[in-house]
Amino acid sequence: MILDRLGHYDDGIRYLEAYVKDYDNQFIEGYKLLSRLAVRKEDFRAAGDYLKRGLEISPKDPELNFELGVTYARLGDLEKAKAQLRVLFEMKDPRYKELKNILGTHQVG
């Protein structure tokens, strides 16, 4: 995204929020992009909010679940990060191992 490359994160967020709204808030990829822009701004709470909104539409989306787990870890909320780890494990998604490494967890549960 060009605005991201130029460092205009707030402009990019406003543009994408309007775009997502035009799709009746059902544009999952928009939420993924919004979360990435928020991460670039180091606004991990906003990133988590965007990811959760995406999960309301598609709860089984492995990318959203993984990114939310990473976001929780960045926020220091290890219990919620571990909950996302369990979701990925139950989904048999290979990103489970990557999140497990990020968390330094040796067991699920």
Foldseek 3Di string as FASTA:
>chain_A
DVCVVVVVLVVVLVVLVVVCVVVVVLPLVSLCVNLVSCVVVVNLVSSLVSLVSSCVNPVLDLVSLLVNLVSCVVVVNNVSSLVSLVSCVVVVHPCSVVSCVVSVHDDRD
